[in-house]
Amino acid sequence: MALPKNKISKQRRNKRRTHYKLKPPTLATCSNCGSTVMYHRVCPECGFYRGRQIIEKTIV
């Protein structure tokens, strides 16, 4: 098994890792109510998905 000959410094290690980033999720607008939702998910505001009501939402 290969072993490093010298210790890699924290600075050098962190320079290599600068590209490991999280991307923000891609968002869409709900076709029914216009709120922002993630793709392929039921709208949490109105309960619609692809033009059909999936979850019954009650107004308080």
N, C-alpha and C. Protein backbone atom coordinates (compact mmCIF):
# COMPACT_ATOMS: atom_id res chain seq x y z
N MET A 1 0.84 -1.17 0.00
CA MET A 1 0.00 0.00 0.00
C MET A 1 0.89 1.25 0.00
N ALA A 2 0.52 2.22 -0.81
CA ALA A 2 1.33 3.42 -0.94
C ALA A 2 1.17 4.34 0.27
N LEU A 3 2.26 4.92 0.73
CA LEU A 3 2.25 5.84 1.85
C LEU A 3 2.90 7.15 1.41
N PRO A 4 2.41 8.27 1.92
CA PRO A 4 3.02 9.54 1.56
C PRO A 4 4.40 9.68 2.18
N LYS A 5 5.33 10.24 1.43
CA LYS A 5 6.69 10.40 1.93
C LYS A 5 6.77 11.55 2.94
N ASN A 6 5.99 12.60 2.69
CA ASN A 6 5.97 13.75 3.59
C ASN A 6 4.53 14.09 3.95
N LYS A 7 4.37 14.76 5.10
CA LYS A 7 3.05 15.18 5.54
C LYS A 7 2.51 16.30 4.65
N ILE A 8 1.24 16.19 4.27
CA ILE A 8 0.58 17.24 3.51
C ILE A 8 0.07 18.28 4.50
N SER A 9 0.45 19.54 4.31
CA SER A 9 0.05 20.58 5.24
C SER A 9 -1.45 20.86 5.14
N LYS A 10 -1.99 21.47 6.18
CA LYS A 10 -3.42 21.79 6.21
C LYS A 10 -3.77 22.76 5.08
N GLN A 11 -2.88 23.71 4.83
CA GLN A 11 -3.14 24.69 3.78
C GLN A 11 -3.22 24.02 2.41
N ARG A 12 -2.29 23.11 2.14
CA ARG A 12 -2.28 22.42 0.84
C ARG A 12 -3.50 21.51 0.70
N ARG A 13 -3.86 20.84 1.79
CA ARG A 13 -5.05 19.98 1.79
C ARG A 13 -6.31 20.80 1.53
N ASN A 14 -6.41 21.96 2.20
CA ASN A 14 -7.59 22.79 2.04
C ASN A 14 -7.68 23.42 0.66
N LYS A 15 -6.55 23.73 0.05
CA LYS A 15 -6.56 24.25 -1.32
C LYS A 15 -7.16 23.23 -2.28
N ARG A 16 -6.85 21.98 -2.06
CA ARG A 16 -7.38 20.92 -2.92
C ARG A 16 -8.89 20.76 -2.74
N ARG A 17 -9.37 21.03 -1.53
CA ARG A 17 -10.78 20.81 -1.22
C ARG A 17 -11.67 22.02 -1.49
N THR A 18 -11.14 23.08 -2.06
CA THR A 18 -11.95 24.29 -2.26
C THR A 18 -13.10 24.05 -3.23
N HIS A 19 -13.02 23.06 -4.08
CA HIS A 19 -14.06 22.83 -5.08
C HIS A 19 -15.15 21.89 -4.58
N TYR A 20 -15.02 21.36 -3.38
CA TYR A 20 -16.04 20.47 -2.82
C TYR A 20 -17.12 21.33 -2.18
N LYS A 21 -18.10 21.74 -2.96
CA LYS A 21 -19.12 22.65 -2.47
C LYS A 21 -20.50 22.06 -2.71
N LEU A 22 -21.45 22.47 -1.90
CA LEU A 22 -22.84 22.11 -2.13
C LEU A 22 -23.45 23.11 -3.10
N LYS A 23 -24.30 22.60 -3.98
CA LYS A 23 -25.00 23.48 -4.91
C LYS A 23 -26.38 23.78 -4.34
N PRO A 24 -26.90 24.97 -4.56
CA PRO A 24 -28.25 25.26 -4.09
C PRO A 24 -29.26 24.42 -4.88
N PRO A 25 -30.37 24.00 -4.26
CA PRO A 25 -31.34 23.17 -4.98
C PRO A 25 -32.02 23.95 -6.10
N THR A 26 -32.36 23.26 -7.17
CA THR A 26 -33.06 23.87 -8.28
C THR A 26 -34.53 24.02 -7.91
N LEU A 27 -35.05 25.22 -8.04
CA LEU A 27 -36.42 25.50 -7.62
C LEU A 27 -37.29 25.83 -8.82
N ALA A 28 -38.58 25.55 -8.68
CA ALA A 28 -39.57 25.87 -9.70
C ALA A 28 -40.73 26.59 -9.03
N THR A 29 -41.63 27.14 -9.84
CA THR A 29 -42.81 27.78 -9.28
C THR A 29 -43.99 26.85 -9.45
N CYS A 30 -44.85 26.80 -8.46
CA CYS A 30 -46.04 25.96 -8.49
C CYS A 30 -47.00 26.51 -9.55
N SER A 31 -47.53 25.63 -10.40
CA SER A 31 -48.44 26.08 -11.45
C SER A 31 -49.80 26.46 -10.89
N ASN A 32 -50.13 26.01 -9.67
CA ASN A 32 -51.43 26.29 -9.08
C ASN A 32 -51.42 27.58 -8.26
N CYS A 33 -50.48 27.69 -7.30
CA CYS A 33 -50.49 28.84 -6.39
C CYS A 33 -49.34 29.81 -6.63
N GLY A 34 -48.30 29.40 -7.37
CA GLY A 34 -47.20 30.30 -7.68
C GLY A 34 -46.09 30.33 -6.65
N SER A 35 -46.16 29.50 -5.60
CA SER A 35 -45.09 29.48 -4.60
C SER A 35 -43.89 28.70 -5.13
N THR A 36 -42.75 28.86 -4.47
CA THR A 36 -41.52 28.19 -4.89
C THR A 36 -41.46 26.79 -4.30
N VAL A 37 -41.21 25.80 -5.15
CA VAL A 37 -41.12 24.41 -4.71
C VAL A 37 -39.93 23.74 -5.38
N MET A 38 -39.44 22.67 -4.76
CA MET A 38 -38.39 21.88 -5.38
C MET A 38 -39.01 20.99 -6.45
N TYR A 39 -38.22 20.64 -7.47
CA TYR A 39 -38.71 19.79 -8.55
C TYR A 39 -39.11 18.40 -8.03
N HIS A 40 -40.10 17.81 -8.65
CA HIS A 40 -40.59 16.46 -8.36
C HIS A 40 -41.07 16.31 -6.92
N ARG A 41 -41.64 17.38 -6.36
CA ARG A 41 -42.17 17.34 -5.01
C ARG A 41 -43.55 17.97 -5.00
N VAL A 42 -44.38 17.53 -4.08
CA VAL A 42 -45.70 18.13 -3.91
C VAL A 42 -45.54 19.52 -3.31
N CYS A 43 -46.34 20.47 -3.76
CA CYS A 43 -46.27 21.84 -3.25
C CYS A 43 -46.71 21.84 -1.78
N PRO A 44 -45.89 22.35 -0.87
CA PRO A 44 -46.28 22.35 0.54
C PRO A 44 -47.37 23.36 0.86
N GLU A 45 -47.57 24.35 -0.02
CA GLU A 45 -48.57 25.38 0.23
C GLU A 45 -49.98 24.93 -0.14
N CYS A 46 -50.13 24.35 -1.35
CA CYS A 46 -51.48 24.01 -1.81
C CYS A 46 -51.71 22.51 -1.96
N GLY A 47 -50.66 21.69 -1.98
CA GLY A 47 -50.82 20.24 -2.07
C GLY A 47 -50.96 19.72 -3.49
N PHE A 48 -50.66 20.54 -4.51
CA PHE A 48 -50.79 20.11 -5.89
C PHE A 48 -49.47 19.59 -6.42
N TYR A 49 -49.53 18.61 -7.35
CA TYR A 49 -48.35 18.11 -8.06
C TYR A 49 -48.78 17.78 -9.47
N ARG A 50 -48.16 18.39 -10.45
CA ARG A 50 -48.44 18.21 -11.87
C ARG A 50 -49.91 18.43 -12.21
N GLY A 51 -50.50 19.47 -11.61
CA GLY A 51 -51.86 19.83 -11.94
C GLY A 51 -52.95 19.06 -11.21
N ARG A 52 -52.56 18.11 -10.35
CA ARG A 52 -53.56 17.35 -9.59
C ARG A 52 -53.35 17.59 -8.10
N GLN A 53 -54.45 17.56 -7.35
CA GLN A 53 -54.34 17.74 -5.91
C GLN A 53 -54.00 16.40 -5.28
N ILE A 54 -52.87 16.35 -4.59
CA ILE A 54 -52.38 15.12 -3.97
C ILE A 54 -52.68 15.12 -2.48
N ILE A 55 -52.45 16.24 -1.82
CA ILE A 55 -52.66 16.37 -0.37
C ILE A 55 -53.79 17.37 -0.14
N GLU A 56 -54.73 16.99 0.70
CA GLU A 56 -55.83 17.89 1.05
C GLU A 56 -55.35 18.89 2.09
N LYS A 57 -55.36 20.16 1.73
CA LYS A 57 -54.94 21.22 2.65
C LYS A 57 -56.17 21.92 3.20
N THR A 58 -56.22 22.10 4.52
CA THR A 58 -57.33 22.80 5.14
C THR A 58 -56.89 24.20 5.52
N ILE A 59 -57.77 25.16 5.34
CA ILE A 59 -57.48 26.56 5.66
C ILE A 59 -58.03 26.84 7.06
N VAL A 60 -57.16 27.35 7.91
CA VAL A 60 -57.57 27.62 9.31
C VAL A 60 -57.88 29.08 9.48
